[in-house]
Amino acid sequence: MSINSFGHLFRLTTWGESHGPAIGCVVDGCPPGLELDDTWVQRFLDLRRPGTSKNVSPRQEPDRVQILSGVYEGRTTGTPIAMTIENVDARSADYPIDAPYRPGHADFAYDAKYGLRDPRGGGRASARETAMRVAGGAVARLVIPEVEIASAVVEIGGDADESRWEAILDEARAAGDSLGAIVECIATGVPSGWGAPVYAKLDAKLAGACMGINAAKGVEIGDGFGAARLKGSENADAMRSDGRFESNHAGGISGGISTGQAIVVRVAFKPTSSIRVPVPSIDASGREMDAVTKGRHDPCVGIRGGPVVEAMVALVLADQKLLHRGQCG
């Protein structure tokens, strides 16, 4: 399996499987002299970890991070930063080797490409891998202290009314089913000028980063698909002599380059594929059978998606800041 790395000057490589002994990452290209310790990274990992409520996976993983290299006396040295997290609550027996492919998951696609698959919780296709993206994103935030990144779930199961979410989640969980969600992420403080035209557009980098998150099926920047329903006069972000924009339909990016406005990204997460509802499928030999997953999974994986989206946005922006500085000073 190739392409386990992300970024150009600021680069993240992740490794490990859902039910392996550990997962980890290496951050390369981090400037020296930045204050960094386990506590800073743990702050963001705790927002993503499972087992924190009935609406997320009950798998009890403390996700305690350990920084192995790249830091001396509390500051980055400019050398690769290696971090690792032990897996302490995997139950591989929940995933028999002869189980059918889970429709909607990567089981069949991995088998078709590589001729084998790791059935234990999905291996690299598990959302467990995203913990190390969050760890890498925590380091990326140190490179862009001028930027504030925040996220929120704005829709669950097609419903934007937060007051109804608890009820529809309870219903889905009781039925052994799952729900999708939409996460919105906003980055403020990004100056104008980050990004590049044509093939290296900032919005393309953000979209690619967020589409690379497990279970992500769609990304919008600014008004996104909504812009297709507007007139040009409605979609235009009018400008004033003091540099203000009167609206932000573009989501803070025009021509692939940041405008200084807030960057707005929305990510659509599909319903978790591992469910207890029987779904027609086949096994590796082609026999038809129902797929029923007995493992512990999120009834709505999008609920824990916010910290991951934030991390990917931070990784992109840190990389783009360094690229911009290298080209334009």
Protein backbone atom coordinates (compact mmCIF):
# COMPACT_ATOMS: atom_id res chain seq x y z
CA MET A 1 0.00 0.00 0.00
CA SER A 2 1.46 3.33 -1.07
CA ILE A 3 0.52 6.98 -0.45
CA ASN A 4 0.40 6.98 3.34
CA SER A 5 1.89 10.48 3.39
CA PHE A 6 0.24 13.87 2.98
CA GLY A 7 1.64 17.33 2.29
CA HIS A 8 4.63 18.94 0.58
CA LEU A 9 6.88 21.00 2.86
CA PHE A 10 4.90 20.11 5.99
CA ARG A 11 4.32 16.38 5.64
CA LEU A 12 2.41 13.78 7.65
CA THR A 13 2.87 10.01 7.33
CA THR A 14 0.61 7.69 9.31
CA TRP A 15 0.97 3.97 10.00
CA GLY A 16 -0.77 1.16 11.87
CA GLU A 17 -4.05 -0.72 11.82
CA SER A 18 -7.20 -0.63 13.92
CA HIS A 19 -6.41 -3.89 15.73
CA GLY A 20 -2.62 -3.81 15.56
CA PRO A 21 -0.48 -3.19 18.65
CA ALA A 22 -0.26 0.54 17.95
CA ILE A 23 -0.85 3.35 15.49
CA GLY A 24 1.54 6.18 14.80
CA CYS A 25 2.70 9.02 12.62
CA VAL A 26 5.75 10.97 11.56
CA VAL A 27 5.57 14.74 10.99
CA ASP A 28 8.33 15.97 8.70
CA GLY A 29 9.11 19.58 7.82
CA CYS A 30 8.08 21.16 11.10
CA PRO A 31 10.12 24.31 11.78
CA PRO A 32 12.41 24.24 14.83
CA GLY A 33 11.84 26.13 18.04
CA LEU A 34 8.09 25.59 18.49
CA GLU A 35 6.88 24.66 21.98
CA LEU A 36 5.50 21.11 21.88
CA ASP A 37 4.75 18.39 24.40
CA ASP A 38 2.38 15.44 24.85
CA THR A 39 -0.17 17.61 26.66
CA TRP A 40 -0.71 19.86 23.64
CA VAL A 41 -1.35 16.93 21.31
CA GLN A 42 -3.48 15.09 23.89
CA ARG A 43 -5.81 18.09 24.12
CA PHE A 44 -7.00 17.47 20.55
CA LEU A 45 -6.93 13.67 20.71
CA ASP A 46 -9.32 13.73 23.66
CA LEU A 47 -11.90 15.49 21.47
CA ARG A 48 -11.82 12.60 18.97
CA ARG A 49 -11.37 9.49 21.09
CA PRO A 50 -14.10 6.83 21.37
CA GLY A 51 -15.96 5.67 24.45
CA THR A 52 -16.98 9.14 25.63
CA SER A 53 -20.78 8.91 25.15
CA LYS A 54 -23.55 6.58 24.00
CA ASN A 55 -23.51 8.26 20.58
CA VAL A 56 -19.97 7.19 19.69
CA SER A 57 -18.11 3.88 19.54
CA PRO A 58 -18.00 2.20 22.98
CA ARG A 59 -14.45 1.00 22.31
CA GLN A 60 -12.44 2.17 25.33
CA GLU A 61 -9.25 3.65 23.97
CA PRO A 62 -7.50 6.27 26.12
CA ASP A 63 -5.48 7.37 23.08
CA ARG A 64 -2.49 8.39 25.20
CA VAL A 65 0.06 9.85 22.81
CA GLN A 66 3.81 9.50 23.20
CA ILE A 67 6.23 11.76 21.32
CA LEU A 68 9.29 9.69 20.42
CA SER A 69 11.48 12.12 18.49
CA GLY A 70 11.86 15.62 17.10
CA VAL A 71 11.46 17.43 20.43
CA TYR A 72 14.18 18.48 22.88
CA GLU A 73 13.53 20.33 26.13
CA GLY A 74 9.98 21.07 25.08
CA ARG A 75 10.76 22.52 21.64
CA THR A 76 10.76 21.11 18.14
CA THR A 77 14.21 20.52 16.70
CA GLY A 78 13.30 20.61 13.01
CA THR A 79 13.84 16.86 12.68
CA PRO A 80 11.04 14.32 12.11
CA ILE A 81 8.51 14.18 14.93
CA ALA A 82 7.41 10.60 15.61
CA MET A 83 4.32 9.93 17.73
CA THR A 84 2.56 6.73 18.72
CA ILE A 85 -0.62 5.56 20.45
CA GLU A 86 -1.14 2.03 21.78
CA ASN A 87 -4.29 0.11 20.88
CA VAL A 88 -5.53 -1.32 24.19
CA ASP A 89 -9.16 -2.36 23.60
CA ALA A 90 -9.32 -4.17 20.27
CA ARG A 91 -11.58 -7.23 20.01
CA SER A 92 -10.50 -9.02 16.87
CA ALA A 93 -12.79 -11.98 17.59
CA ASP A 94 -15.70 -9.77 16.54
CA TYR A 95 -14.35 -9.92 12.97
CA PRO A 96 -14.05 -13.55 11.76
CA ILE A 97 -11.82 -14.10 8.75
CA ASP A 98 -14.66 -15.74 6.80
CA ALA A 99 -17.10 -12.87 7.35
CA PRO A 100 -18.77 -11.41 4.26
CA TYR A 101 -17.71 -8.08 2.85
CA ARG A 102 -19.43 -5.18 4.60
CA PRO A 103 -21.30 -3.24 1.90
CA GLY A 104 -20.17 0.38 1.95
CA HIS A 105 -16.88 -0.43 3.69
CA ALA A 106 -13.46 -0.95 2.08
CA ASP A 107 -13.48 -4.75 2.56
CA PHE A 108 -14.25 -5.69 -1.05
CA ALA A 109 -12.21 -2.88 -2.63
CA TYR A 110 -9.08 -3.74 -0.60
CA ASP A 111 -9.45 -7.43 -1.47
CA ALA A 112 -9.94 -6.61 -5.15
CA LYS A 113 -6.82 -4.44 -5.26
CA TYR A 114 -4.37 -6.29 -3.00
CA GLY A 115 -5.70 -9.84 -3.06
CA LEU A 116 -6.06 -9.83 0.72
CA ARG A 117 -7.51 -7.71 3.50
CA ASP A 118 -7.19 -7.25 7.22
CA PRO A 119 -10.66 -8.15 8.54
CA ARG A 120 -9.91 -6.91 12.06
CA GLY A 121 -11.92 -3.74 12.26
CA GLY A 122 -11.07 -2.68 8.72
CA GLY A 123 -7.31 -2.29 9.17
CA ARG A 124 -6.14 0.96 7.57
CA ALA A 125 -9.70 1.72 6.43
CA SER A 126 -10.86 2.06 10.03
CA ALA A 127 -11.59 5.50 11.48
CA ARG A 128 -9.02 4.51 14.11
CA GLU A 129 -6.36 5.75 11.67
CA THR A 130 -7.68 9.30 11.99
CA ALA A 131 -6.31 9.60 15.53
CA MET A 132 -2.86 10.14 14.07
CA ARG A 133 -4.19 12.77 11.67
CA VAL A 134 -5.43 14.62 14.73
CA ALA A 135 -1.99 14.26 16.34
CA GLY A 136 -0.33 15.62 13.22
CA GLY A 137 -2.87 18.41 13.01
CA ALA A 138 -2.01 19.44 16.56
CA VAL A 139 1.59 20.01 15.47
CA ALA A 140 0.41 21.85 12.35
CA ARG A 141 -1.50 24.33 14.50
CA LEU A 142 1.80 25.44 16.02
CA VAL A 143 2.98 26.51 12.56
CA ILE A 144 -0.09 28.72 12.05
CA PRO A 145 -0.67 30.45 15.42
CA GLU A 146 -2.41 33.32 13.64
CA VAL A 147 -5.20 30.96 12.51
CA GLU A 148 -8.14 29.79 14.62
CA ILE A 149 -9.85 26.58 13.50
CA ALA A 150 -13.19 25.41 14.88
CA SER A 151 -15.83 22.93 13.79
CA ALA A 152 -19.36 21.81 14.59
CA VAL A 153 -21.80 19.14 13.49
CA VAL A 154 -24.54 20.98 11.58
CA GLU A 155 -26.68 18.05 10.43
CA ILE A 156 -27.34 14.46 11.51
CA GLY A 157 -29.45 12.02 9.53
CA GLY A 158 -30.61 14.78 7.20
CA ASP A 159 -31.92 16.87 10.11
CA ALA A 160 -30.40 20.27 10.90
CA ASP A 161 -32.47 20.71 14.07
CA GLU A 162 -30.12 19.86 16.95
CA SER A 163 -33.04 19.39 19.34
CA ARG A 164 -34.07 16.26 17.42
CA TRP A 165 -30.65 14.64 17.12
CA GLU A 166 -30.75 12.72 20.38
CA ALA A 167 -34.04 11.05 19.45
CA ILE A 168 -33.00 10.03 15.94
CA LEU A 169 -29.66 8.74 17.22
CA ASP A 170 -31.43 6.67 19.89
CA GLU A 171 -33.74 5.23 17.24
CA ALA A 172 -30.90 4.32 14.89
CA ARG A 173 -28.80 2.80 17.67
CA ALA A 174 -31.71 0.69 18.96
CA ALA A 175 -32.31 -0.61 15.44
CA GLY A 176 -28.64 -1.49 14.98
CA ASP A 177 -28.45 1.07 12.18
CA SER A 178 -26.40 4.22 11.63
CA LEU A 179 -26.73 7.81 10.41
CA GLY A 180 -24.73 10.23 8.31
CA ALA A 181 -23.75 13.76 9.27
CA ILE A 182 -22.38 17.05 7.99
CA VAL A 183 -19.51 18.81 9.76
CA GLU A 184 -18.72 22.48 9.18
CA CYS A 185 -15.21 23.79 9.81
CA ILE A 186 -14.24 27.47 9.84
CA ALA A 187 -10.68 28.80 9.79
CA THR A 188 -10.28 32.48 10.68
CA GLY A 189 -7.14 34.58 10.60
CA VAL A 190 -5.84 33.15 7.32
CA PRO A 191 -4.22 36.08 5.48
CA SER A 192 -4.81 36.76 1.82
CA GLY A 193 -2.36 35.12 -0.57
CA TRP A 194 -2.09 31.51 0.58
CA GLY A 195 -2.63 28.93 -2.14
CA ALA A 196 -1.92 28.97 -5.87
CA PRO A 197 -3.82 29.09 -9.16
CA VAL A 198 -4.82 26.29 -11.51
CA TYR A 199 -3.54 22.90 -10.29
CA ALA A 200 -2.59 23.82 -6.72
CA LYS A 201 -5.69 25.71 -5.64
CA LEU A 202 -6.16 26.06 -1.90
CA ASP A 203 -9.76 24.91 -2.12
CA ALA A 204 -8.68 21.86 -4.12
CA LYS A 205 -6.08 21.01 -1.46
CA LEU A 206 -8.67 21.37 1.30
CA ALA A 207 -11.22 19.30 -0.60
CA GLY A 208 -8.70 16.55 -1.29
CA ALA A 209 -7.56 16.52 2.33
CA CYS A 210 -11.09 16.24 3.67
CA MET A 211 -12.19 13.68 1.09
CA GLY A 212 -9.29 11.54 2.30
CA ILE A 213 -10.94 11.20 5.71
CA ASN A 214 -12.56 7.82 6.33
CA ALA A 215 -16.32 7.93 5.56
CA ALA A 216 -16.17 11.37 3.90
CA LYS A 217 -18.30 11.43 0.74
CA GLY A 218 -18.55 15.11 -0.13
CA VAL A 219 -16.93 18.50 0.50
CA GLU A 220 -18.20 22.03 0.00
CA ILE A 221 -16.19 25.25 0.16
CA GLY A 222 -18.27 28.34 0.95
CA ASP A 223 -21.72 27.98 -0.57
CA GLY A 224 -20.52 24.93 -2.47
CA PHE A 225 -23.31 23.32 -4.48
CA GLY A 226 -25.60 26.09 -3.30
CA ALA A 227 -23.67 28.51 -5.51
CA ALA A 228 -25.03 26.69 -8.55
CA ARG A 229 -28.52 27.83 -7.56
CA LEU A 230 -27.62 31.53 -7.30
CA LYS A 231 -27.40 34.28 -9.89
CA GLY A 232 -24.03 35.91 -10.46
CA SER A 233 -25.25 39.06 -8.78
CA GLU A 234 -26.24 37.01 -5.73
CA ASN A 235 -23.07 34.93 -5.54
CA ALA A 236 -20.61 37.83 -5.90
CA ASP A 237 -18.91 38.88 -2.66
CA ALA A 238 -19.07 42.68 -2.94
CA MET A 239 -15.98 44.59 -1.76
CA ARG A 240 -15.51 47.99 -0.12
CA SER A 241 -12.61 50.45 -0.07
CA ASP A 242 -11.68 49.49 3.48
CA GLY A 243 -11.01 45.92 2.35
CA ARG A 244 -14.24 44.48 3.72
CA PHE A 245 -16.30 41.92 1.87
CA GLU A 246 -20.06 42.20 2.28
CA SER A 247 -20.57 38.44 2.06
CA ASN A 248 -18.56 35.23 1.92
CA HIS A 249 -20.19 32.97 -0.64
CA ALA A 250 -16.70 31.97 -1.84
CA GLY A 251 -15.76 30.59 1.57
CA GLY A 252 -12.62 32.69 1.84
CA ILE A 253 -10.98 31.45 -1.37
CA SER A 254 -11.03 32.92 -4.89
CA GLY A 255 -8.97 31.66 -7.81
CA GLY A 256 -7.50 29.05 -5.50
CA ILE A 257 -5.98 31.72 -3.23
CA SER A 258 -7.12 32.86 0.21
CA THR A 259 -8.81 36.28 0.36
CA GLY A 260 -8.39 36.98 4.06
CA GLN A 261 -11.98 36.05 4.82
CA ALA A 262 -12.94 33.06 6.95
CA ILE A 263 -12.37 29.78 5.13
CA VAL A 264 -15.54 27.70 5.36
CA VAL A 265 -15.47 23.95 4.67
CA ARG A 266 -18.31 21.47 5.04
CA VAL A 267 -17.77 17.71 4.93
CA ALA A 268 -20.49 15.09 4.42
CA PHE A 269 -19.93 11.82 6.28
CA LYS A 270 -21.80 8.70 5.19
CA PRO A 271 -23.53 6.45 7.74
CA THR A 272 -21.21 3.94 9.39
CA SER A 273 -20.99 0.82 7.21
CA SER A 274 -20.62 -1.57 10.15
CA ILE A 275 -24.20 -2.14 11.32
CA ARG A 276 -26.28 -4.92 12.87
CA VAL A 277 -28.98 -4.67 10.20
CA PRO A 278 -28.54 -7.58 7.74
CA VAL A 279 -27.39 -6.38 4.31
CA PRO A 280 -27.06 -8.76 1.32
CA SER A 281 -23.41 -9.35 0.43
CA ILE A 282 -20.89 -12.02 -0.57
CA ASP A 283 -17.82 -13.57 1.03
CA ALA A 284 -14.37 -13.86 -0.55
CA SER A 285 -15.44 -17.00 -2.45
CA GLY A 286 -18.48 -15.27 -3.95
CA ARG A 287 -21.12 -16.98 -1.80
CA GLU A 288 -24.15 -14.82 -1.13
CA MET A 289 -24.91 -14.13 2.52
CA ASP A 290 -26.05 -11.32 4.76
CA ALA A 291 -23.45 -9.06 6.33
CA VAL A 292 -24.09 -8.34 10.01
CA THR A 293 -21.36 -6.61 12.03
CA LYS A 294 -21.10 -7.47 15.72
CA GLY A 295 -18.17 -5.16 16.53
CA ARG A 296 -18.38 -1.86 18.39
CA HIS A 297 -18.97 1.07 16.08
CA ASP A 298 -20.18 4.65 15.97
CA PRO A 299 -23.92 5.02 15.31
CA CYS A 300 -22.87 8.26 13.58
CA VAL A 301 -19.18 8.54 12.71
CA GLY A 302 -19.63 12.19 11.78
CA ILE A 303 -20.04 13.10 15.46
CA ARG A 304 -16.32 12.46 15.95
CA GLY A 305 -15.47 13.90 12.54
CA GLY A 306 -15.00 17.50 13.66
CA PRO A 307 -11.53 17.14 15.22
CA VAL A 308 -10.40 15.17 12.16
CA VAL A 309 -11.65 17.81 9.72
CA GLU A 310 -9.94 20.49 11.82
CA ALA A 311 -6.70 18.51 11.71
CA MET A 312 -6.76 18.14 7.93
CA VAL A 313 -7.51 21.84 7.50
CA ALA A 314 -4.61 22.68 9.85
CA LEU A 315 -2.26 20.38 7.93
CA VAL A 316 -3.17 22.01 4.62
CA LEU A 317 -2.86 25.55 5.95
CA ALA A 318 0.49 24.88 7.63
CA ASP A 319 1.81 23.44 4.38
CA GLN A 320 0.43 26.35 2.36
CA LYS A 321 1.95 28.92 4.73
CA LEU A 322 5.39 27.39 4.29
CA LEU A 323 4.95 27.13 0.52
CA HIS A 324 3.82 30.76 0.31
CA ARG A 325 6.76 31.91 2.40
CA GLY A 326 9.15 29.95 0.20
CA GLN A 327 7.81 31.49 -3.00
CA CYS A 328 6.81 35.00 -1.97
CA GLY A 329 8.83 35.65 1.19
